[in-house]
Amino acid sequence: MKKSRRPITKVKNPEPKAGTKDWVIWAAWADRITFEDIKSRTGLSEGEVIEIMRKSLKLSSFKLWRKRAKGQSIKHRKKFEETRKEIRRKINKNDYI
């Protein structure tokens, strides 16, 4: 059997099976997956995701994650859309100057 010449790409943190506790933790750490997406896939609310993270992570890791999740508008779709609108407004204003 002939081997492929394409290199095998290894991902540092591959996506675990959907619906598992590991997937919830992986998705919560991912920047582009919102809490709304997690709820639609697993049925878990933001509070339930926070509880899973609190129980599963070390205290220092949990604190880092909470700081990161609170500070990012991406984790909440509504905040993300608002910040995108602000960026577009700024860009459009600069186009006319």
C-alpha atoms as a PDB file:
ATOM      1  CA  MET A   1       0.000   0.000   0.000  1.00  0.00           C
ATOM      2  CA  LYS A   2       1.359   3.367  -1.047  1.00  0.00           C
ATOM      3  CA  LYS A   3       1.800   6.004   1.637  1.00  0.00           C
ATOM      4  CA  SER A   4       0.437   9.466   1.109  1.00  0.00           C
ATOM      5  CA  ARG A   5       2.964  12.220   0.559  1.00  0.00           C
ATOM      6  CA  ARG A   6       0.854  14.661   2.521  1.00  0.00           C
ATOM      7  CA  PRO A   7       2.142  15.272   6.048  1.00  0.00           C
ATOM      8  CA  ILE A   8      -0.081  14.311   8.948  1.00  0.00           C
ATOM      9  CA  THR A   9      -1.159  17.360  10.879  1.00  0.00           C
ATOM     10  CA  LYS A  10      -1.364  16.790  14.586  1.00  0.00           C
ATOM     11  CA  VAL A  11      -3.618  19.098  16.551  1.00  0.00           C
ATOM     12  CA  LYS A  12      -2.504  20.070  20.038  1.00  0.00           C
ATOM     13  CA  ASN A  13      -6.052  19.968  21.427  1.00  0.00           C
ATOM     14  CA  PRO A  14      -8.245  17.882  19.107  1.00  0.00           C
ATOM     15  CA  GLU A  15     -12.008  18.128  19.480  1.00  0.00           C
ATOM     16  CA  PRO A  16     -13.372  15.418  21.791  1.00  0.00           C
ATOM     17  CA  LYS A  17     -16.614  13.550  21.105  1.00  0.00           C
ATOM     18  CA  ALA A  18     -19.599  15.906  21.099  1.00  0.00           C
ATOM     19  CA  GLY A  19     -21.926  15.714  24.064  1.00  0.00           C
ATOM     20  CA  THR A  20     -19.318  14.549  26.564  1.00  0.00           C
ATOM     21  CA  LYS A  21     -18.053  16.466  29.584  1.00  0.00           C
ATOM     22  CA  ASP A  22     -14.677  16.761  27.838  1.00  0.00           C
ATOM     23  CA  TRP A  23     -16.351  18.399  24.850  1.00  0.00           C
ATOM     24  CA  VAL A  24     -18.062  20.961  27.107  1.00  0.00           C
ATOM     25  CA  ILE A  25     -14.718  21.856  28.696  1.00  0.00           C
ATOM     26  CA  TRP A  26     -13.040  22.030  25.282  1.00  0.00           C
ATOM     27  CA  ALA A  27     -15.824  24.225  23.879  1.00  0.00           C
ATOM     28  CA  ALA A  28     -15.764  26.520  26.907  1.00  0.00           C
ATOM     29  CA  TRP A  29     -12.044  27.138  26.367  1.00  0.00           C
ATOM     30  CA  ALA A  30     -12.489  27.681  22.610  1.00  0.00           C
ATOM     31  CA  ASP A  31     -12.714  31.348  21.674  1.00  0.00           C
ATOM     32  CA  ARG A  32     -15.165  31.067  18.801  1.00  0.00           C
ATOM     33  CA  ILE A  33     -17.724  28.803  20.465  1.00  0.00           C
ATOM     34  CA  THR A  34     -20.318  30.845  22.315  1.00  0.00           C
ATOM     35  CA  PHE A  35     -22.338  29.781  25.330  1.00  0.00           C
ATOM     36  CA  GLU A  36     -25.378  29.810  23.055  1.00  0.00           C
ATOM     37  CA  ASP A  37     -23.700  27.259  20.763  1.00  0.00           C
ATOM     38  CA  ILE A  38     -22.892  25.064  23.754  1.00  0.00           C
ATOM     39  CA  LYS A  39     -26.514  25.271  24.914  1.00  0.00           C
ATOM     40  CA  SER A  40     -27.854  24.356  21.469  1.00  0.00           C
ATOM     41  CA  ARG A  41     -25.570  21.301  21.214  1.00  0.00           C
ATOM     42  CA  THR A  42     -25.746  19.991  24.787  1.00  0.00           C
ATOM     43  CA  GLY A  43     -28.698  21.742  26.439  1.00  0.00           C
ATOM     44  CA  LEU A  44     -26.445  23.103  29.207  1.00  0.00           C
ATOM     45  CA  SER A  45     -26.936  26.715  30.278  1.00  0.00           C
ATOM     46  CA  GLU A  46     -24.056  29.101  30.942  1.00  0.00           C
ATOM     47  CA  GLY A  47     -24.382  28.506  34.690  1.00  0.00           C
ATOM     48  CA  GLU A  48     -24.204  24.745  34.230  1.00  0.00           C
ATOM     49  CA  VAL A  49     -21.103  25.108  32.051  1.00  0.00           C
ATOM     50  CA  ILE A  50     -19.504  27.264  34.752  1.00  0.00           C
ATOM     51  CA  GLU A  51     -20.310  24.584  37.358  1.00  0.00           C
ATOM     52  CA  ILE A  52     -18.713  21.882  35.202  1.00  0.00           C
ATOM     53  CA  MET A  53     -15.633  24.037  34.727  1.00  0.00           C
ATOM     54  CA  ARG A  54     -15.440  24.807  38.460  1.00  0.00           C
ATOM     55  CA  LYS A  55     -15.616  21.101  39.388  1.00  0.00           C
ATOM     56  CA  SER A  56     -13.306  19.854  36.624  1.00  0.00           C
ATOM     57  CA  LEU A  57     -10.472  22.381  36.634  1.00  0.00           C
ATOM     58  CA  LYS A  58      -7.905  23.319  39.213  1.00  0.00           C
ATOM     59  CA  LEU A  59      -8.734  26.552  41.036  1.00  0.00           C
ATOM     60  CA  SER A  60      -6.045  28.551  39.229  1.00  0.00           C
ATOM     61  CA  SER A  61      -7.161  27.225  35.822  1.00  0.00           C
ATOM     62  CA  PHE A  62     -10.786  28.010  36.610  1.00  0.00           C
ATOM     63  CA  LYS A  63      -9.892  31.580  37.617  1.00  0.00           C
ATOM     64  CA  LEU A  64      -7.937  32.057  34.376  1.00  0.00           C
ATOM     65  CA  TRP A  65     -10.841  30.731  32.335  1.00  0.00           C
ATOM     66  CA  ARG A  66     -13.418  32.942  34.111  1.00  0.00           C
ATOM     67  CA  LYS A  67     -11.248  36.021  33.614  1.00  0.00           C
ATOM     68  CA  ARG A  68     -10.862  35.128  29.952  1.00  0.00           C
ATOM     69  CA  ALA A  69     -14.554  34.285  29.404  1.00  0.00           C
ATOM     70  CA  LYS A  70     -15.774  37.462  31.140  1.00  0.00           C
ATOM     71  CA  GLY A  71     -13.364  39.689  29.245  1.00  0.00           C
ATOM     72  CA  GLN A  72     -14.215  38.364  25.806  1.00  0.00           C
ATOM     73  CA  SER A  73     -17.244  39.553  23.975  1.00  0.00           C
ATOM     74  CA  ILE A  74     -16.982  36.506  21.720  1.00  0.00           C
ATOM     75  CA  LYS A  75     -18.321  34.056  24.328  1.00  0.00           C
ATOM     76  CA  HIS A  76     -21.708  35.817  24.291  1.00  0.00           C
ATOM     77  CA  ARG A  77     -23.286  36.145  20.864  1.00  0.00           C
ATOM     78  CA  LYS A  78     -25.190  39.349  21.698  1.00  0.00           C
ATOM     79  CA  LYS A  79     -22.062  41.099  22.984  1.00  0.00           C
ATOM     80  CA  PHE A  80     -20.088  39.809  20.022  1.00  0.00           C
ATOM     81  CA  GLU A  81     -22.591  41.216  17.539  1.00  0.00           C
ATOM     82  CA  GLU A  82     -22.602  44.592  19.333  1.00  0.00           C
ATOM     83  CA  THR A  83     -18.814  44.877  19.232  1.00  0.00           C
ATOM     84  CA  ARG A  84     -18.770  43.924  15.550  1.00  0.00           C
ATOM     85  CA  LYS A  85     -21.294  46.708  14.836  1.00  0.00           C
ATOM     86  CA  GLU A  86     -19.090  49.214  16.717  1.00  0.00           C
ATOM     87  CA  ILE A  87     -16.046  48.160  14.722  1.00  0.00           C
ATOM     88  CA  ARG A  88     -17.967  48.519  11.454  1.00  0.00           C
ATOM     89  CA  ARG A  89     -19.161  51.999  12.452  1.00  0.00           C
ATOM     90  CA  LYS A  90     -15.587  53.085  13.211  1.00  0.00           C
ATOM     91  CA  ILE A  91     -14.356  51.685   9.913  1.00  0.00           C
ATOM     92  CA  ASN A  92     -17.159  53.383   7.967  1.00  0.00           C
ATOM     93  CA  LYS A  93     -16.453  56.737   9.651  1.00  0.00           C
ATOM     94  CA  ASN A  94     -12.791  56.503   8.731  1.00  0.00           C
ATOM     95  CA  ASP A  95     -13.633  55.746   5.094  1.00  0.00           C
ATOM     96  CA  TYR A  96     -15.257  59.133   4.646  1.00  0.00           C
ATOM     97  CA  ILE A  97     -12.502  61.226   6.219  1.00  0.00           C
END
